[in-house]
Amino acid sequence: MYLPGTLLHIASKLNSISPEIVFGNCIHIRENSPLVTGSDVQGRHTTMNLVLADYIIQPSTFWTKDLWLKTGALDESLVFGFDWEWFIRAKKAGGIFTPEVKYLSLYRIHGEHKTGVGGERRLRELATIYGRHAGEKYEKLFLRCCAHRSKIISRKNWIWRSRLSRHEGQLLKKAFPRLFHGFTQDEVRDMVSML
């Protein structure tokens, strides 16, 4: 749901006569858990590659009709990554991406949360998006990451618990040298965020 004042804020920020997308932060609420987290889309926009990592949070994202027309409709053959795939195409179409530090929406994560229950089907779809937009090299790497998913996530969780998240790409490259050979630390960090 939108936070109070979101639509008024977006109306004051979005330039309706340009191919623009404005995206803000989101508060994530986990059902049956006291854990509440927030995002940092501005920081991620500065450090991450949209073609490798979906850091834009759809409920907190707004765009102009001009950008919609330049980009085209959503790919309805996709179920899990249609928004990410559209954002990539919008960027390639010359969209002006403007991150906002303001929290614009609340998002409830629950037992039937699509990303959480997508399993192998979701991962295969994301691999297809990598193939389309980043190339076969990245599609193959993502599929190899999927095969080692539990080990990568376990190591990633250890890195975060140890407060070493700034070095995530470097540490994962050292932990899985054969898997990530030939890829940069940033590429590794971005890609494993999609697991």
Foldseek 3Di string as FASTA:
>chain_A
DWDPPQVVVVVVVADQVAFEKEFEKEWEAEPPDPDIDIADLVVCVVQADLLQAPRGDVVRMDTYPVLCVLQDDFDVVDDQCRVSLSVLSSVVSPYDYHYDHDHTYYHYDYPVRCLVPVPPVNLLRSLVSNCVRVRPVVSVLSVVCSVVVVVLVVVQVVCVVVVNNVCSLVVVCVVCVVSQPPHDSNSSSRNNNSD
